[in-house]
């Protein structure tokens, strides 16, 4: 469960965002504030995983709150939630994890929550890895167990090209096979942490090692040409993370 804190000087906006976060059933809203001083005090005590932060506060700037949190003992992930799109560049310069616009869209909120959960899982995995090494346990296998009808197939992760969600099913595409399974896409996203397979779209995971070309598309989005010749879309939500992973 993700612990979230909301900073916004508009009570109705706080209520709406808290409602949408709780509807995901994966977020606990641990507190709210309308000013910088109140927020900074509460955040250090409550230690939320993520802070949803408005840019324009009544007497303060959300950008200043983010700067102070960057130097704080407990630094949560920052998601700017604002009506102003012109501050996006400044927000990402402050290492914001995401930037969402008012009026809030429920699907967009769900995408942000999924992204925050992925970041949390990566941090937890990095913290746990020394303990695993110390215990002498074997490293994670390079196989993925896939339940197809009444059989459990072991698929080489390196041979997976992409995984997609369509019509209530999940399709795993390898270099030479396609498997249609019932588990949701997020199930495989969680199982494939710490592998080259990452989410690039709400309906797609791709193997970074299987990308052969990146083609610009409409509205600052891209298409990925995979080594099997297929084309996979990249949504704007995941572009920043993909650029960091690939280095372009």
C-alpha atoms as a PDB file:
ATOM      1  CA  UNK A   1       0.000   0.000   0.000  1.00  0.00           C
ATOM      2  CA  UNK A   2       1.353   3.392  -1.039  1.00  0.00           C
ATOM      3  CA  UNK A   3       1.297   6.144   1.608  1.00  0.00           C
ATOM      4  CA  UNK A   4       0.380   9.510   0.073  1.00  0.00           C
ATOM      5  CA  UNK A   5       0.233  13.085   1.366  1.00  0.00           C
ATOM      6  CA  UNK A   6      -1.618  15.930  -0.404  1.00  0.00           C
ATOM      7  CA  UNK A   7      -0.590  19.601  -0.363  1.00  0.00           C
ATOM      8  CA  UNK A   8      -3.134  21.982  -1.907  1.00  0.00           C
ATOM      9  CA  UNK A   9      -4.742  25.191  -0.654  1.00  0.00           C
ATOM     10  CA  UNK A  10      -8.085  24.291  -2.273  1.00  0.00           C
ATOM     11  CA  UNK A  11     -10.160  21.958  -0.032  1.00  0.00           C
ATOM     12  CA  UNK A  12     -12.282  20.698  -2.933  1.00  0.00           C
ATOM     13  CA  UNK A  13      -9.196  19.805  -4.966  1.00  0.00           C
ATOM     14  CA  UNK A  14      -7.729  17.938  -1.977  1.00  0.00           C
ATOM     15  CA  UNK A  15     -10.981  16.047  -1.478  1.00  0.00           C
ATOM     16  CA  UNK A  16     -11.230  15.074  -5.147  1.00  0.00           C
ATOM     17  CA  UNK A  17      -7.645  13.865  -5.360  1.00  0.00           C
ATOM     18  CA  UNK A  18      -7.924  11.935  -2.096  1.00  0.00           C
ATOM     19  CA  UNK A  19     -11.122  10.284  -3.368  1.00  0.00           C
ATOM     20  CA  UNK A  20      -9.494   9.227  -6.652  1.00  0.00           C
ATOM     21  CA  UNK A  21      -6.398   7.916  -4.881  1.00  0.00           C
ATOM     22  CA  UNK A  22      -8.466   5.850  -2.457  1.00  0.00           C
ATOM     23  CA  UNK A  23     -10.525   4.439  -5.325  1.00  0.00           C
ATOM     24  CA  UNK A  24      -7.404   2.713  -6.642  1.00  0.00           C
ATOM     25  CA  UNK A  25      -7.413   0.619  -3.415  1.00  0.00           C
ATOM     26  CA  UNK A  26      -3.626   0.824  -3.480  1.00  0.00           C
ATOM     27  CA  UNK A  27      -3.125   4.157  -1.740  1.00  0.00           C
ATOM     28  CA  UNK A  28      -3.536   5.292   1.853  1.00  0.00           C
ATOM     29  CA  UNK A  29      -3.864   9.075   2.172  1.00  0.00           C
ATOM     30  CA  UNK A  30      -2.034   9.704   5.442  1.00  0.00           C
ATOM     31  CA  UNK A  31      -2.469  13.462   5.602  1.00  0.00           C
ATOM     32  CA  UNK A  32      -3.252  16.790   3.959  1.00  0.00           C
ATOM     33  CA  UNK A  33      -2.027  20.380   4.223  1.00  0.00           C
ATOM     34  CA  UNK A  34      -2.721  23.744   2.636  1.00  0.00           C
ATOM     35  CA  UNK A  35       0.557  25.533   3.436  1.00  0.00           C
ATOM     36  CA  UNK A  36       4.281  24.854   3.189  1.00  0.00           C
ATOM     37  CA  UNK A  37       5.077  24.982   6.917  1.00  0.00           C
ATOM     38  CA  UNK A  38       2.235  22.652   7.819  1.00  0.00           C
ATOM     39  CA  UNK A  39       3.189  20.234   5.049  1.00  0.00           C
ATOM     40  CA  UNK A  40       6.904  20.091   5.895  1.00  0.00           C
ATOM     41  CA  UNK A  41       6.172  19.405   9.556  1.00  0.00           C
ATOM     42  CA  UNK A  42       3.652  16.635   8.827  1.00  0.00           C
ATOM     43  CA  UNK A  43       5.692  14.988   6.064  1.00  0.00           C
ATOM     44  CA  UNK A  44       8.721  14.488   8.302  1.00  0.00           C
ATOM     45  CA  UNK A  45       6.529  12.918  10.985  1.00  0.00           C
ATOM     46  CA  UNK A  46       4.335  10.766   8.730  1.00  0.00           C
ATOM     47  CA  UNK A  47       7.031   9.785   6.180  1.00  0.00           C
ATOM     48  CA  UNK A  48       4.734   9.257   3.177  1.00  0.00           C
ATOM     49  CA  UNK A  49       6.024   7.487   0.075  1.00  0.00           C
ATOM     50  CA  UNK A  50       4.730  10.207  -2.250  1.00  0.00           C
ATOM     51  CA  UNK A  51       3.590  13.827  -1.926  1.00  0.00           C
ATOM     52  CA  UNK A  52       1.004  15.202  -4.359  1.00  0.00           C
ATOM     53  CA  UNK A  53       1.888  18.876  -4.512  1.00  0.00           C
ATOM     54  CA  UNK A  54       0.114  21.864  -6.043  1.00  0.00           C
ATOM     55  CA  UNK A  55       2.308  24.536  -7.646  1.00  0.00           C
ATOM     56  CA  UNK A  56       0.295  27.593  -6.596  1.00  0.00           C
ATOM     57  CA  UNK A  57      -0.404  27.668  -2.868  1.00  0.00           C
ATOM     58  CA  UNK A  58      -2.076  30.633  -1.166  1.00  0.00           C
ATOM     59  CA  UNK A  59       1.099  32.086   0.359  1.00  0.00           C
ATOM     60  CA  UNK A  60       3.780  29.683  -0.838  1.00  0.00           C
ATOM     61  CA  UNK A  61       5.082  27.925  -3.916  1.00  0.00           C
ATOM     62  CA  UNK A  62       4.917  24.182  -4.351  1.00  0.00           C
ATOM     63  CA  UNK A  63       8.302  24.403  -6.063  1.00  0.00           C
ATOM     64  CA  UNK A  64       9.782  25.736  -2.800  1.00  0.00           C
ATOM     65  CA  UNK A  65       8.198  22.852  -0.892  1.00  0.00           C
ATOM     66  CA  UNK A  66       9.827  20.399  -3.307  1.00  0.00           C
ATOM     67  CA  UNK A  67      13.224  22.083  -2.900  1.00  0.00           C
ATOM     68  CA  UNK A  68      13.015  21.854   0.890  1.00  0.00           C
ATOM     69  CA  UNK A  69      11.948  18.220   0.764  1.00  0.00           C
ATOM     70  CA  UNK A  70      14.954  17.438  -1.438  1.00  0.00           C
ATOM     71  CA  UNK A  71      17.213  18.344   1.512  1.00  0.00           C
ATOM     72  CA  UNK A  72      15.033  16.813   4.211  1.00  0.00           C
ATOM     73  CA  UNK A  73      15.814  13.695   6.254  1.00  0.00           C
ATOM     74  CA  UNK A  74      12.886  11.856   4.675  1.00  0.00           C
ATOM     75  CA  UNK A  75      12.561  12.578   0.963  1.00  0.00           C
ATOM     76  CA  UNK A  76       9.334  11.236  -0.570  1.00  0.00           C
ATOM     77  CA  UNK A  77       8.647  11.043  -4.284  1.00  0.00           C
ATOM     78  CA  UNK A  78       7.080  14.253  -5.597  1.00  0.00           C
ATOM     79  CA  UNK A  79       4.110  14.383  -7.957  1.00  0.00           C
ATOM     80  CA  UNK A  80       3.012  17.883  -8.944  1.00  0.00           C
ATOM     81  CA  UNK A  81      -0.779  18.097  -9.229  1.00  0.00           C
ATOM     82  CA  UNK A  82      -1.653  21.495 -10.662  1.00  0.00           C
ATOM     83  CA  UNK A  83      -3.757  23.441 -13.136  1.00  0.00           C
ATOM     84  CA  UNK A  84      -0.658  24.979 -14.747  1.00  0.00           C
ATOM     85  CA  UNK A  85       1.284  23.091 -17.421  1.00  0.00           C
ATOM     86  CA  UNK A  86       3.978  25.758 -17.873  1.00  0.00           C
ATOM     87  CA  UNK A  87       5.867  24.636 -14.765  1.00  0.00           C
ATOM     88  CA  UNK A  88       6.526  21.099 -16.007  1.00  0.00           C
ATOM     89  CA  UNK A  89      10.164  21.754 -16.954  1.00  0.00           C
ATOM     90  CA  UNK A  90      10.956  23.271 -13.559  1.00  0.00           C
ATOM     91  CA  UNK A  91       9.185  20.371 -11.874  1.00  0.00           C
ATOM     92  CA  UNK A  92      11.284  17.737 -13.599  1.00  0.00           C
ATOM     93  CA  UNK A  93      14.446  19.754 -12.914  1.00  0.00           C
ATOM     94  CA  UNK A  94      13.547  19.158  -9.246  1.00  0.00           C
ATOM     95  CA  UNK A  95      13.408  15.394  -9.988  1.00  0.00           C
ATOM     96  CA  UNK A  96       9.638  15.200  -9.784  1.00  0.00           C
ATOM     97  CA  UNK A  97       8.382  11.682 -10.402  1.00  0.00           C
ATOM     98  CA  UNK A  98       5.304  12.866 -12.306  1.00  0.00           C
ATOM     99  CA  UNK A  99       3.236  15.914 -13.278  1.00  0.00           C
ATOM    100  CA  UNK A 100      -0.562  15.723 -13.504  1.00  0.00           C
ATOM    101  CA  UNK A 101      -3.009  18.423 -14.480  1.00  0.00           C
ATOM    102  CA  UNK A 102      -6.320  19.594 -13.063  1.00  0.00           C
ATOM    103  CA  UNK A 103      -9.121  18.777 -13.595  1.00  0.00           C
ATOM    104  CA  UNK A 104      -8.009  15.308 -12.538  1.00  0.00           C
ATOM    105  CA  UNK A 105      -8.615  12.358 -14.818  1.00  0.00           C
ATOM    106  CA  UNK A 106      -9.153   9.075 -12.973  1.00  0.00           C
ATOM    107  CA  UNK A 107      -7.246   6.982 -15.508  1.00  0.00           C
ATOM    108  CA  UNK A 108      -4.296   9.386 -15.322  1.00  0.00           C
ATOM    109  CA  UNK A 109      -4.305   9.122 -11.526  1.00  0.00           C
ATOM    110  CA  UNK A 110      -4.239   5.325 -11.819  1.00  0.00           C
ATOM    111  CA  UNK A 111      -1.225   5.527 -14.143  1.00  0.00           C
ATOM    112  CA  UNK A 112       0.604   7.708 -11.645  1.00  0.00           C
ATOM    113  CA  UNK A 113      -0.167   5.320  -8.789  1.00  0.00           C
ATOM    114  CA  UNK A 114       1.157   2.396 -10.834  1.00  0.00           C
ATOM    115  CA  UNK A 115       4.340   4.349 -11.546  1.00  0.00           C
ATOM    116  CA  UNK A 116       4.819   5.196  -7.854  1.00  0.00           C
ATOM    117  CA  UNK A 117       4.332   1.557  -6.899  1.00  0.00           C
ATOM    118  CA  UNK A 118       6.991   0.535  -9.416  1.00  0.00           C
ATOM    119  CA  UNK A 119       9.419   3.036  -7.950  1.00  0.00           C
ATOM    120  CA  UNK A 120       8.632   1.823  -4.442  1.00  0.00           C
ATOM    121  CA  UNK A 121       9.221  -1.786  -5.458  1.00  0.00           C
ATOM    122  CA  UNK A 122      12.565  -0.899  -7.033  1.00  0.00           C
ATOM    123  CA  UNK A 123      13.674   0.911  -3.899  1.00  0.00           C
ATOM    124  CA  UNK A 124      12.562  -1.992  -1.714  1.00  0.00           C
ATOM    125  CA  UNK A 125      14.357  -4.457  -3.984  1.00  0.00           C
ATOM    126  CA  UNK A 126      17.571  -2.446  -3.889  1.00  0.00           C
ATOM    127  CA  UNK A 127      17.429  -2.291  -0.089  1.00  0.00           C
ATOM    128  CA  UNK A 128      16.770  -6.011   0.222  1.00  0.00           C
ATOM    129  CA  UNK A 129      19.436  -7.216  -2.217  1.00  0.00           C
ATOM    130  CA  UNK A 130      22.387  -7.134   0.239  1.00  0.00           C
ATOM    131  CA  UNK A 131      20.406  -9.309   2.682  1.00  0.00           C
ATOM    132  CA  UNK A 132      19.623 -11.792  -0.068  1.00  0.00           C
ATOM    133  CA  UNK A 133      23.278 -12.002  -1.064  1.00  0.00           C
ATOM    134  CA  UNK A 134      24.297 -12.484   2.542  1.00  0.00           C
ATOM    135  CA  UNK A 135      21.837 -15.339   3.008  1.00  0.00           C
ATOM    136  CA  UNK A 136      23.501 -17.311   0.233  1.00  0.00           C
ATOM    137  CA  UNK A 137      20.218 -17.804  -1.645  1.00  0.00           C
ATOM    138  CA  UNK A 138      20.528 -18.404  -5.391  1.00  0.00           C
ATOM    139  CA  UNK A 139      19.955 -15.482  -7.727  1.00  0.00           C
ATOM    140  CA  UNK A 140      16.596 -15.085  -9.419  1.00  0.00           C
ATOM    141  CA  UNK A 141      16.109 -17.453 -12.359  1.00  0.00           C
ATOM    142  CA  UNK A 142      16.121 -16.158 -15.929  1.00  0.00           C
ATOM    143  CA  UNK A 143      12.881 -18.029 -16.621  1.00  0.00           C
ATOM    144  CA  UNK A 144       9.316 -16.764 -16.400  1.00  0.00           C
ATOM    145  CA  UNK A 145       6.618 -19.231 -15.331  1.00  0.00           C
ATOM    146  CA  UNK A 146       3.582 -18.808 -17.601  1.00  0.00           C
ATOM    147  CA  UNK A 147       0.287 -20.562 -16.901  1.00  0.00           C
ATOM    148  CA  UNK A 148      -1.322 -21.540 -20.215  1.00  0.00           C
ATOM    149  CA  UNK A 149      -4.581 -23.441 -19.717  1.00  0.00           C
ATOM    150  CA  UNK A 150      -3.543 -26.287 -17.382  1.00  0.00           C
ATOM    151  CA  UNK A 151       0.189 -26.167 -18.156  1.00  0.00           C
ATOM    152  CA  UNK A 152       3.007 -24.173 -16.581  1.00  0.00           C
ATOM    153  CA  UNK A 153       5.530 -23.188 -19.246  1.00  0.00           C
ATOM    154  CA  UNK A 154       8.981 -21.786 -18.493  1.00  0.00           C
ATOM    155  CA  UNK A 155       9.803 -18.984 -20.908  1.00  0.00           C
ATOM    156  CA  UNK A 156      13.279 -17.510 -21.301  1.00  0.00           C
ATOM    157  CA  UNK A 157      12.968 -13.872 -20.233  1.00  0.00           C
ATOM    158  CA  UNK A 158      15.632 -12.823 -22.725  1.00  0.00           C
ATOM    159  CA  UNK A 159      13.470 -14.146 -25.590  1.00  0.00           C
ATOM    160  CA  UNK A 160      10.423 -12.068 -24.633  1.00  0.00           C
ATOM    161  CA  UNK A 161       9.897  -9.207 -27.099  1.00  0.00           C
ATOM    162  CA  UNK A 162       6.897  -7.545 -25.462  1.00  0.00           C
ATOM    163  CA  UNK A 163       3.841  -8.242 -23.323  1.00  0.00           C
ATOM    164  CA  UNK A 164       0.511  -6.565 -24.037  1.00  0.00           C
ATOM    165  CA  UNK A 165      -2.982  -6.335 -22.600  1.00  0.00           C
ATOM    166  CA  UNK A 166      -5.919  -6.699 -24.973  1.00  0.00           C
ATOM    167  CA  UNK A 167      -9.599  -7.593 -24.545  1.00  0.00           C
ATOM    168  CA  UNK A 168      -9.214  -8.662 -20.947  1.00  0.00           C
ATOM    169  CA  UNK A 169      -6.292 -10.993 -21.688  1.00  0.00           C
ATOM    170  CA  UNK A 170      -2.516 -10.675 -21.565  1.00  0.00           C
ATOM    171  CA  UNK A 171      -0.407 -11.706 -24.561  1.00  0.00           C
ATOM    172  CA  UNK A 172       3.257 -12.630 -24.104  1.00  0.00           C
ATOM    173  CA  UNK A 173       5.147 -12.360 -27.397  1.00  0.00           C
ATOM    174  CA  UNK A 174       8.526 -14.075 -27.678  1.00  0.00           C
ATOM    175  CA  UNK A 175      10.867 -14.357 -30.639  1.00  0.00           C
ATOM    176  CA  UNK A 176       9.012 -17.436 -31.869  1.00  0.00           C
ATOM    177  CA  UNK A 177       5.794 -17.849 -29.835  1.00  0.00           C
ATOM    178  CA  UNK A 178       2.704 -16.046 -28.546  1.00  0.00           C
ATOM    179  CA  UNK A 179       1.069 -17.030 -25.255  1.00  0.00           C
ATOM    180  CA  UNK A 180      -2.384 -15.787 -24.215  1.00  0.00           C
ATOM    181  CA  UNK A 181      -2.871 -15.868 -20.443  1.00  0.00           C
ATOM    182  CA  UNK A 182      -5.435 -14.721 -17.890  1.00  0.00           C
ATOM    183  CA  UNK A 183      -3.186 -12.893 -15.406  1.00  0.00           C
ATOM    184  CA  UNK A 184      -3.280  -9.070 -15.713  1.00  0.00           C
ATOM    185  CA  UNK A 185      -0.381  -7.118 -17.160  1.00  0.00           C
ATOM    186  CA  UNK A 186       0.590  -5.736 -13.740  1.00  0.00           C
ATOM    187  CA  UNK A 187       1.140  -9.322 -12.539  1.00  0.00           C
ATOM    188  CA  UNK A 188       3.962  -9.751 -15.054  1.00  0.00           C
ATOM    189  CA  UNK A 189       5.284  -6.255 -14.450  1.00  0.00           C
ATOM    190  CA  UNK A 190       5.787  -7.175 -10.796  1.00  0.00           C
ATOM    191  CA  UNK A 191       7.332 -10.566 -11.602  1.00  0.00           C
ATOM    192  CA  UNK A 192       9.757  -9.009 -14.086  1.00  0.00           C
ATOM    193  CA  UNK A 193      11.221  -6.331 -11.841  1.00  0.00           C
ATOM    194  CA  UNK A 194      14.994  -5.976 -12.129  1.00  0.00           C
ATOM    195  CA  UNK A 195      14.926  -7.332 -15.698  1.00  0.00           C
ATOM    196  CA  UNK A 196      15.165  -5.412 -19.016  1.00  0.00           C
ATOM    197  CA  UNK A 197      11.361  -5.638 -19.361  1.00  0.00           C
ATOM    198  CA  UNK A 198       9.652  -2.363 -18.428  1.00  0.00           C
ATOM    199  CA  UNK A 199       6.329  -0.623 -18.927  1.00  0.00           C
ATOM    200  CA  UNK A 200       6.136   1.917 -21.753  1.00  0.00           C
ATOM    201  CA  UNK A 201       2.350   2.204 -22.069  1.00  0.00           C
ATOM    202  CA  UNK A 202      -0.674   1.301 -19.960  1.00  0.00           C
ATOM    203  CA  UNK A 203      -1.121  -1.731 -22.235  1.00  0.00           C
ATOM    204  CA  UNK A 204       2.504  -2.688 -22.992  1.00  0.00           C
ATOM    205  CA  UNK A 205       5.685  -3.954 -21.382  1.00  0.00           C
ATOM    206  CA  UNK A 206       8.735  -4.210 -23.645  1.00  0.00           C
ATOM    207  CA  UNK A 207      12.126  -5.851 -23.492  1.00  0.00           C
ATOM    208  CA  UNK A 208      14.654  -3.005 -23.763  1.00  0.00           C
ATOM    209  CA  UNK A 209      17.090  -5.415 -25.388  1.00  0.00           C
ATOM    210  CA  UNK A 210      14.545  -6.080 -28.147  1.00  0.00           C
ATOM    211  CA  UNK A 211      14.233  -2.469 -29.348  1.00  0.00           C
ATOM    212  CA  UNK A 212      15.895  -1.846 -32.722  1.00  0.00           C
ATOM    213  CA  UNK A 213      14.484   1.612 -33.561  1.00  0.00           C
ATOM    214  CA  UNK A 214      12.683   4.500 -31.865  1.00  0.00           C
ATOM    215  CA  UNK A 215      10.364   6.461 -34.146  1.00  0.00           C
ATOM    216  CA  UNK A 216       8.898   9.881 -33.175  1.00  0.00           C
ATOM    217  CA  UNK A 217       5.101   9.914 -33.316  1.00  0.00           C
ATOM    218  CA  UNK A 218       2.302  12.413 -32.650  1.00  0.00           C
ATOM    219  CA  UNK A 219       2.198  14.775 -29.636  1.00  0.00           C
ATOM    220  CA  UNK A 220       5.689  13.962 -28.297  1.00  0.00           C
ATOM    221  CA  UNK A 221       5.073  10.215 -28.227  1.00  0.00           C
ATOM    222  CA  UNK A 222       7.118   7.469 -29.863  1.00  0.00           C
ATOM    223  CA  UNK A 223       6.758   4.050 -31.447  1.00  0.00           C
ATOM    224  CA  UNK A 224       9.275   1.315 -30.732  1.00  0.00           C
ATOM    225  CA  UNK A 225      10.227  -1.011 -33.556  1.00  0.00           C
ATOM    226  CA  UNK A 226      11.026  -4.378 -32.005  1.00  0.00           C
ATOM    227  CA  UNK A 227      13.388  -7.042 -33.314  1.00  0.00           C
ATOM    228  CA  UNK A 228      10.463  -9.162 -34.545  1.00  0.00           C
ATOM    229  CA  UNK A 229       9.268  -6.219 -36.681  1.00  0.00           C
ATOM    230  CA  UNK A 230       6.335  -5.306 -34.447  1.00  0.00           C
ATOM    231  CA  UNK A 231       5.571  -1.733 -33.396  1.00  0.00           C
ATOM    232  CA  UNK A 232       4.876  -0.806 -29.766  1.00  0.00           C
ATOM    233  CA  UNK A 233       3.578   2.634 -28.698  1.00  0.00           C
ATOM    234  CA  UNK A 234       5.180   4.659 -25.896  1.00  0.00           C
ATOM    235  CA  UNK A 235       2.839   7.000 -24.045  1.00  0.00           C
ATOM    236  CA  UNK A 236       3.944  10.396 -22.771  1.00  0.00           C
ATOM    237  CA  UNK A 237       3.552   9.145 -19.190  1.00  0.00           C
ATOM    238  CA  UNK A 238       6.477   6.757 -19.589  1.00  0.00           C
ATOM    239  CA  UNK A 239       8.708   8.754 -21.963  1.00  0.00           C
ATOM    240  CA  UNK A 240      10.925  10.329 -19.291  1.00  0.00           C
ATOM    241  CA  UNK A 241      11.621   6.994 -17.629  1.00  0.00           C
ATOM    242  CA  UNK A 242      12.342   5.310 -20.962  1.00  0.00           C
ATOM    243  CA  UNK A 243      14.759   8.069 -21.983  1.00  0.00           C
ATOM    244  CA  UNK A 244      16.618   7.652 -18.709  1.00  0.00           C
ATOM    245  CA  UNK A 245      16.831   3.883 -19.127  1.00  0.00           C
ATOM    246  CA  UNK A 246      18.030   3.980 -22.731  1.00  0.00           C
ATOM    247  CA  UNK A 247      19.946   7.258 -22.597  1.00  0.00           C
ATOM    248  CA  UNK A 248      18.530   9.338 -25.440  1.00  0.00           C
END
